[in-house]
C-alpha atoms as a PDB file:
ATOM      1  CA  MET A   1      -9.766 -51.788 -19.962  1.00  0.00           C
ATOM      2  CA  ILE A   2     -10.684 -51.611 -16.263  1.00  0.00           C
ATOM      3  CA  LEU A   3      -7.396 -49.878 -15.429  1.00  0.00           C
ATOM      4  CA  ASN A   4      -8.520 -46.834 -17.420  1.00  0.00           C
ATOM      5  CA  ALA A   5     -11.039 -46.191 -14.650  1.00  0.00           C
ATOM      6  CA  PHE A   6      -8.100 -45.729 -12.284  1.00  0.00           C
ATOM      7  CA  SER A   7      -5.962 -43.604 -14.588  1.00  0.00           C
ATOM      8  CA  LEU A   8      -3.856 -40.878 -13.014  1.00  0.00           C
ATOM      9  CA  GLU A   9      -3.133 -39.282 -16.382  1.00  0.00           C
ATOM     10  CA  GLY A  10      -2.197 -35.622 -15.999  1.00  0.00           C
ATOM     11  CA  LYS A  11      -1.601 -35.835 -12.244  1.00  0.00           C
ATOM     12  CA  VAL A  12       1.669 -35.210 -10.403  1.00  0.00           C
ATOM     13  CA  ALA A  13       2.870 -37.388  -7.526  1.00  0.00           C
ATOM     14  CA  VAL A  14       5.468 -36.428  -4.927  1.00  0.00           C
ATOM     15  CA  VAL A  15       7.595 -39.425  -3.935  1.00  0.00           C
ATOM     16  CA  THR A  16      10.337 -39.371  -1.314  1.00  0.00           C
ATOM     17  CA  GLY A  17      13.122 -41.940  -1.168  1.00  0.00           C
ATOM     18  CA  CYS A  18      12.582 -42.880  -4.797  1.00  0.00           C
ATOM     19  CA  ASP A  19      16.016 -44.330  -5.539  1.00  0.00           C
ATOM     20  CA  THR A  20      15.363 -47.870  -4.210  1.00  0.00           C
ATOM     21  CA  GLY A  21      12.849 -50.147  -2.565  1.00  0.00           C
ATOM     22  CA  LEU A  22       9.322 -49.035  -1.784  1.00  0.00           C
ATOM     23  CA  GLY A  23       9.884 -45.442  -2.890  1.00  0.00           C
ATOM     24  CA  GLN A  24      11.153 -46.554  -6.278  1.00  0.00           C
ATOM     25  CA  GLY A  25       8.267 -48.995  -6.614  1.00  0.00           C
ATOM     26  CA  MET A  26       5.758 -46.250  -5.816  1.00  0.00           C
ATOM     27  CA  ALA A  27       7.338 -43.838  -8.302  1.00  0.00           C
ATOM     28  CA  LEU A  28       7.277 -46.452 -11.065  1.00  0.00           C
ATOM     29  CA  GLY A  29       3.739 -47.611 -10.289  1.00  0.00           C
ATOM     30  CA  LEU A  30       2.421 -44.060 -10.249  1.00  0.00           C
ATOM     31  CA  ALA A  31       4.241 -43.302 -13.512  1.00  0.00           C
ATOM     32  CA  GLU A  32       2.703 -46.405 -15.103  1.00  0.00           C
ATOM     33  CA  ALA A  33      -0.707 -45.131 -13.983  1.00  0.00           C
ATOM     34  CA  GLY A  34      -0.076 -41.790 -15.719  1.00  0.00           C
ATOM     35  CA  CYS A  35       1.566 -39.512 -13.141  1.00  0.00           C
ATOM     36  CA  ASP A  36       4.522 -37.257 -13.636  1.00  0.00           C
ATOM     37  CA  ILE A  37       6.865 -37.628 -10.667  1.00  0.00           C
ATOM     38  CA  VAL A  38       8.499 -35.141  -8.316  1.00  0.00           C
ATOM     39  CA  GLY A  39      11.294 -37.144  -6.689  1.00  0.00           C
ATOM     40  CA  ILE A  40      12.691 -35.876  -3.412  1.00  0.00           C
ATOM     41  CA  ASN A  41      15.793 -37.843  -2.606  1.00  0.00           C
ATOM     42  CA  ILE A  42      19.215 -37.337  -1.033  1.00  0.00           C
ATOM     43  CA  VAL A  43      21.118 -39.321  -3.680  1.00  0.00           C
ATOM     44  CA  GLU A  44      20.639 -39.058  -7.435  1.00  0.00           C
ATOM     45  CA  PRO A  45      17.875 -41.565  -8.365  1.00  0.00           C
ATOM     46  CA  THR A  46      19.439 -42.244 -11.787  1.00  0.00           C
ATOM     47  CA  GLU A  47      17.753 -45.592 -12.441  1.00  0.00           C
ATOM     48  CA  THR A  48      14.347 -44.323 -11.347  1.00  0.00           C
ATOM     49  CA  ILE A  49      14.639 -41.233 -13.555  1.00  0.00           C
ATOM     50  CA  ALA A  50      15.523 -43.408 -16.554  1.00  0.00           C
ATOM     51  CA  ARG A  51      12.652 -45.817 -15.939  1.00  0.00           C
ATOM     52  CA  VAL A  52      10.056 -43.075 -15.335  1.00  0.00           C
ATOM     53  CA  THR A  53      11.057 -41.148 -18.452  1.00  0.00           C
ATOM     54  CA  ALA A  54      11.099 -44.392 -20.489  1.00  0.00           C
ATOM     55  CA  LEU A  55       7.403 -44.656 -19.633  1.00  0.00           C
ATOM     56  CA  GLY A  56       6.876 -41.263 -21.267  1.00  0.00           C
ATOM     57  CA  ARG A  57       6.451 -39.421 -17.963  1.00  0.00           C
ATOM     58  CA  ARG A  58       8.307 -36.384 -16.689  1.00  0.00           C
ATOM     59  CA  PHE A  59      10.546 -36.580 -13.632  1.00  0.00           C
ATOM     60  CA  PHE A  60      11.302 -33.407 -11.675  1.00  0.00           C
ATOM     61  CA  LYS A  61      14.110 -33.451  -9.150  1.00  0.00           C
ATOM     62  CA  PRO A  62      14.843 -30.355  -7.060  1.00  0.00           C
ATOM     63  CA  ASP A  63      18.454 -29.227  -7.561  1.00  0.00           C
ATOM     64  CA  SER A  64      19.668 -29.731  -4.018  1.00  0.00           C
ATOM     65  CA  ARG A  65      18.607 -30.817  -0.582  1.00  0.00           C
ATOM     66  CA  SER A  66      18.086 -27.191   0.437  1.00  0.00           C
ATOM     67  CA  ALA A  67      15.874 -26.711  -2.615  1.00  0.00           C
ATOM     68  CA  SER A  68      13.886 -29.775  -1.537  1.00  0.00           C
ATOM     69  CA  ASN A  69      13.448 -28.291   1.920  1.00  0.00           C
ATOM     70  CA  ARG A  70      12.241 -24.971   0.484  1.00  0.00           C
ATOM     71  CA  TRP A  71       9.842 -26.758  -1.868  1.00  0.00           C
ATOM     72  CA  TYR A  72       8.484 -28.941   0.952  1.00  0.00           C
ATOM     73  CA  SER A  73       8.026 -25.871   3.167  1.00  0.00           C
ATOM     74  CA  GLY A  74       6.062 -24.250   0.366  1.00  0.00           C
ATOM     75  CA  ILE A  75       3.557 -27.079   0.058  1.00  0.00           C
ATOM     76  CA  THR A  76       3.103 -27.502   3.809  1.00  0.00           C
ATOM     77  CA  GLY A  77       2.958 -23.806   4.703  1.00  0.00           C
ATOM     78  CA  THR A  78      -0.065 -21.540   4.775  1.00  0.00           C
ATOM     79  CA  GLY A  79      -0.444 -21.466   1.002  1.00  0.00           C
ATOM     80  CA  GLY A  80      -0.483 -25.227   0.512  1.00  0.00           C
ATOM     81  CA  GLY A  81      -2.346 -26.528   3.533  1.00  0.00           C
ATOM     82  CA  GLY A  82      -3.255 -29.860   1.942  1.00  0.00           C
ATOM     83  CA  ILE A  83      -0.651 -31.813   3.890  1.00  0.00           C
ATOM     84  CA  ARG A  84      -1.263 -29.933   7.151  1.00  0.00           C
ATOM     85  CA  SER A  85      -4.862 -31.140   7.214  1.00  0.00           C
ATOM     86  CA  TYR A  86      -3.675 -34.706   7.756  1.00  0.00           C
END
């Protein structure tokens, strides 16, 4: 199938605002393509978690907003300069 050429199997995607709307759509689309999801959200994205895991993908949600901030700082700081380059 042509979609296999675009597989994201084994990748991890970071999605913010994944409880509704565009963020939820992105999380679900990426999960369908093979990604595990890191969901950074203020409210508990219960429906999104259920739908992502039903697809056989893992969903990681930092424990609290402060944990999200620490995690984000880690990937944008000197050790994880991927985001800074944009």
